[in-house]
N, C-alpha and C. Protein backbone atom coordinates (compact mmCIF):
# COMPACT_ATOMS: atom_id res chain seq x y z
N UNK A 1 169.27 190.14 16.03
CA UNK A 1 170.17 189.48 16.94
C UNK A 1 169.41 188.40 17.69
N UNK A 2 168.22 188.71 18.14
CA UNK A 2 167.45 187.72 18.90
C UNK A 2 167.20 186.51 18.03
N UNK A 3 166.82 186.77 16.80
CA UNK A 3 166.55 185.67 15.83
C UNK A 3 167.78 184.81 15.63
N UNK A 4 168.94 185.49 15.50
CA UNK A 4 170.20 184.75 15.27
C UNK A 4 170.57 183.92 16.49
N UNK A 5 170.44 184.51 17.68
CA UNK A 5 170.73 183.72 18.90
C UNK A 5 169.77 182.54 19.04
N UNK A 6 168.49 182.74 18.75
CA UNK A 6 167.50 181.67 18.88
C UNK A 6 167.75 180.55 17.89
N UNK A 7 167.97 180.93 16.63
CA UNK A 7 168.16 179.94 15.56
C UNK A 7 169.47 179.11 15.77
N UNK A 8 170.51 179.83 16.04
CA UNK A 8 171.82 179.19 16.01
C UNK A 8 172.22 178.48 17.32
N UNK A 9 171.63 178.85 18.40
CA UNK A 9 172.01 178.26 19.70
C UNK A 9 173.41 178.70 20.15
N UNK A 10 173.89 179.80 19.56
CA UNK A 10 175.20 180.32 19.96
C UNK A 10 175.16 180.91 21.34
N UNK A 11 176.30 180.87 22.03
CA UNK A 11 176.43 181.56 23.30
C UNK A 11 176.59 183.04 23.02
N UNK A 12 176.17 183.83 24.00
CA UNK A 12 176.29 185.27 23.88
C UNK A 12 177.73 185.70 23.62
N UNK A 13 178.67 185.03 24.22
CA UNK A 13 180.08 185.36 24.04
C UNK A 13 180.61 185.00 22.67
N UNK A 14 179.95 184.15 21.92
CA UNK A 14 180.36 183.74 20.54
C UNK A 14 179.93 184.69 19.49
N UNK A 15 178.86 185.44 19.72
CA UNK A 15 178.27 186.28 18.69
C UNK A 15 179.09 187.51 18.30
N UNK A 16 179.69 188.22 19.24
CA UNK A 16 180.38 189.49 18.87
C UNK A 16 181.56 189.36 17.90
N UNK A 17 182.12 188.21 17.84
CA UNK A 17 183.34 188.04 16.96
C UNK A 17 182.93 187.65 15.54
N UNK A 18 181.67 187.40 15.28
CA UNK A 18 181.29 186.99 13.91
C UNK A 18 181.42 188.20 12.95
N UNK A 19 182.04 187.92 11.83
CA UNK A 19 182.15 188.90 10.75
C UNK A 19 181.28 188.54 9.59
N UNK A 20 180.98 189.48 8.71
CA UNK A 20 180.15 189.19 7.58
C UNK A 20 180.77 188.10 6.66
N UNK A 21 182.09 188.06 6.61
CA UNK A 21 182.79 187.04 5.81
C UNK A 21 182.59 185.65 6.35
N UNK A 22 182.14 185.51 7.58
CA UNK A 22 181.89 184.22 8.23
C UNK A 22 180.49 183.62 7.82
N UNK A 23 179.76 184.32 7.05
CA UNK A 23 178.39 183.88 6.71
C UNK A 23 178.43 183.10 5.39
N UNK A 24 177.86 181.93 5.41
CA UNK A 24 177.72 181.12 4.18
C UNK A 24 176.21 181.22 3.79
N UNK A 25 175.94 182.13 2.87
CA UNK A 25 174.56 182.39 2.50
C UNK A 25 173.90 181.22 1.79
N UNK A 26 174.68 180.40 1.11
CA UNK A 26 174.20 179.25 0.38
C UNK A 26 173.57 178.21 1.31
N UNK A 27 174.30 178.01 2.41
CA UNK A 27 173.85 176.97 3.36
C UNK A 27 173.24 177.54 4.64
N UNK A 28 173.10 178.84 4.76
CA UNK A 28 172.58 179.52 5.93
C UNK A 28 173.30 179.06 7.20
N UNK A 29 174.64 179.15 7.15
CA UNK A 29 175.45 178.83 8.31
C UNK A 29 176.47 179.93 8.57
N UNK A 30 176.96 179.94 9.79
CA UNK A 30 178.02 180.87 10.21
C UNK A 30 179.22 180.06 10.66
N UNK A 31 180.38 180.60 10.42
CA UNK A 31 181.63 180.05 10.97
C UNK A 31 181.88 180.86 12.27
N UNK A 32 182.05 180.16 13.36
CA UNK A 32 182.21 180.84 14.66
C UNK A 32 183.36 180.25 15.45
N UNK A 33 183.95 181.06 16.30
CA UNK A 33 184.89 180.60 17.25
C UNK A 33 184.11 180.22 18.53
N UNK A 34 184.16 178.94 18.86
CA UNK A 34 183.40 178.44 19.98
C UNK A 34 184.24 178.31 21.23
N UNK A 35 183.57 177.90 22.29
CA UNK A 35 184.24 177.73 23.60
C UNK A 35 185.47 176.85 23.46
N UNK A 36 186.58 177.31 24.03
CA UNK A 36 187.85 176.60 23.94
C UNK A 36 188.64 177.01 22.72
N UNK A 37 188.25 178.11 22.05
CA UNK A 37 188.95 178.63 20.89
C UNK A 37 188.90 177.73 19.67
N UNK A 38 187.89 176.86 19.60
CA UNK A 38 187.72 175.97 18.47
C UNK A 38 186.91 176.65 17.36
N UNK A 39 186.85 176.04 16.26
CA UNK A 39 186.02 176.49 15.11
C UNK A 39 184.73 175.70 15.09
N UNK A 40 183.64 176.37 14.80
CA UNK A 40 182.37 175.67 14.73
C UNK A 40 181.52 176.29 13.66
N UNK A 41 180.39 175.66 13.36
CA UNK A 41 179.41 176.15 12.42
C UNK A 41 178.06 176.18 13.11
N UNK A 42 177.32 177.24 12.81
CA UNK A 42 175.97 177.38 13.37
C UNK A 42 175.00 177.67 12.27
N UNK A 43 173.89 177.00 12.28
CA UNK A 43 172.86 177.18 11.24
C UNK A 43 171.83 178.26 11.65
N UNK A 44 171.23 178.84 10.67
CA UNK A 44 170.14 179.80 10.90
C UNK A 44 169.11 179.62 9.80
N UNK A 45 167.88 180.10 10.08
CA UNK A 45 166.77 179.93 9.10
C UNK A 45 166.81 180.98 8.01
N UNK A 46 166.00 180.78 6.99
CA UNK A 46 165.93 181.76 5.89
C UNK A 46 165.31 183.09 6.42
N UNK A 47 164.48 183.05 7.43
CA UNK A 47 163.96 184.30 8.05
C UNK A 47 165.07 185.10 8.65
N UNK A 48 165.97 184.42 9.34
CA UNK A 48 167.08 185.07 9.97
C UNK A 48 168.03 185.60 8.88
N UNK A 49 168.24 184.83 7.79
CA UNK A 49 169.05 185.28 6.67
C UNK A 49 168.55 186.61 6.12
N UNK A 50 167.24 186.68 5.97
CA UNK A 50 166.64 187.93 5.50
C UNK A 50 166.93 189.12 6.46
N UNK A 51 166.83 188.86 7.72
CA UNK A 51 167.10 189.89 8.73
C UNK A 51 168.59 190.28 8.73
N UNK A 52 169.45 189.29 8.60
CA UNK A 52 170.90 189.56 8.54
C UNK A 52 171.24 190.41 7.33
N UNK A 53 170.67 190.09 6.18
CA UNK A 53 170.94 190.85 4.97
C UNK A 53 170.45 192.28 5.10
N UNK A 54 169.29 192.45 5.73
CA UNK A 54 168.76 193.78 5.97
C UNK A 54 169.70 194.55 6.92
N UNK A 55 170.13 193.88 7.97
CA UNK A 55 171.02 194.53 8.94
C UNK A 55 172.34 194.92 8.30
N UNK A 56 172.88 194.06 7.45
CA UNK A 56 174.16 194.38 6.81
C UNK A 56 174.03 195.52 5.78
N UNK A 57 172.87 195.61 5.15
CA UNK A 57 172.65 196.70 4.17
C UNK A 57 172.58 198.05 4.90
N UNK A 58 172.12 198.03 6.13
CA UNK A 58 172.02 199.24 6.92
C UNK A 58 173.25 199.55 7.77
N UNK A 59 174.01 198.49 8.15
CA UNK A 59 175.12 198.66 9.10
C UNK A 59 176.35 197.90 8.61
N UNK A 60 176.58 197.78 7.38
CA UNK A 60 177.65 196.97 6.85
C UNK A 60 179.06 197.51 7.10
N UNK A 61 179.16 198.69 7.70
CA UNK A 61 180.46 199.31 7.90
C UNK A 61 181.19 198.80 9.14
N UNK A 62 180.51 198.01 9.99
CA UNK A 62 181.14 197.52 11.24
C UNK A 62 182.04 196.32 10.91
N UNK A 63 183.20 196.25 11.57
CA UNK A 63 184.10 195.09 11.33
C UNK A 63 183.48 193.79 11.70
N UNK A 64 182.58 193.78 12.73
CA UNK A 64 181.90 192.53 13.11
C UNK A 64 180.44 192.64 12.72
N UNK A 65 179.81 191.53 12.67
CA UNK A 65 178.42 191.45 12.19
C UNK A 65 177.48 192.40 12.93
N UNK A 66 177.57 192.40 14.25
CA UNK A 66 176.63 193.24 15.01
C UNK A 66 177.23 194.50 15.52
N UNK A 67 178.57 194.58 15.52
CA UNK A 67 179.24 195.79 15.98
C UNK A 67 179.04 196.06 17.48
N UNK A 68 178.88 194.98 18.23
CA UNK A 68 178.66 195.11 19.70
C UNK A 68 179.56 194.12 20.45
N UNK A 69 179.84 194.47 21.67
CA UNK A 69 180.57 193.57 22.58
C UNK A 69 179.55 192.78 23.37
N UNK A 70 179.97 191.70 24.04
CA UNK A 70 179.03 190.88 24.81
C UNK A 70 178.18 191.71 25.81
N UNK A 71 178.80 192.61 26.49
CA UNK A 71 178.09 193.41 27.49
C UNK A 71 177.00 194.25 26.80
N UNK A 72 177.30 194.80 25.63
CA UNK A 72 176.34 195.59 24.88
C UNK A 72 175.13 194.77 24.47
N UNK A 73 175.42 193.52 24.01
CA UNK A 73 174.34 192.62 23.61
C UNK A 73 173.52 192.28 24.81
N UNK A 74 174.15 191.95 25.94
CA UNK A 74 173.44 191.63 27.15
C UNK A 74 172.57 192.76 27.62
N UNK A 75 173.09 193.98 27.58
CA UNK A 75 172.28 195.12 28.00
C UNK A 75 171.09 195.36 27.08
N UNK A 76 171.29 195.20 25.75
CA UNK A 76 170.21 195.35 24.76
C UNK A 76 169.11 194.31 25.03
N UNK A 77 169.50 193.06 25.27
CA UNK A 77 168.55 191.99 25.54
C UNK A 77 167.81 192.27 26.83
N UNK A 78 168.46 192.83 27.82
CA UNK A 78 167.82 193.18 29.08
C UNK A 78 166.75 194.25 28.87
N UNK A 79 167.10 195.26 28.08
CA UNK A 79 166.12 196.33 27.79
C UNK A 79 164.93 195.79 27.01
N UNK A 80 165.19 194.90 26.05
CA UNK A 80 164.12 194.33 25.27
C UNK A 80 163.21 193.49 26.15
N UNK A 81 163.82 192.75 27.07
CA UNK A 81 163.00 191.95 27.99
C UNK A 81 162.14 192.81 28.84
N UNK A 82 162.73 193.90 29.36
CA UNK A 82 161.94 194.81 30.20
C UNK A 82 160.76 195.41 29.44
N UNK A 83 160.97 195.74 28.19
CA UNK A 83 159.89 196.28 27.36
C UNK A 83 158.77 195.26 27.12
N UNK A 84 159.19 194.02 26.92
CA UNK A 84 158.23 192.96 26.61
C UNK A 84 157.40 192.54 27.85
N UNK A 85 158.00 192.78 29.01
CA UNK A 85 157.32 192.35 30.26
C UNK A 85 156.43 193.42 30.85
N UNK A 86 156.36 194.58 30.22
CA UNK A 86 155.48 195.62 30.70
C UNK A 86 154.04 195.37 30.49
């Protein structure tokens, strides 16, 4: 998730609605609903593509890519930050 946020420049609020069908593996892009309910595309690197494929193979049963709501992602990032700052 961190890699996806970093690569794509997506807002935290844009990530939870992404579904696996929104991924274009050929071009390493995602179709996303952006601020103002518009459609957008976000690019990611081949390293993130590898991580996304691994994540989907382990957690592909979720209706959304990450299976989390914005608050859950925010909490997880906060815990990760606290671990890294120790």
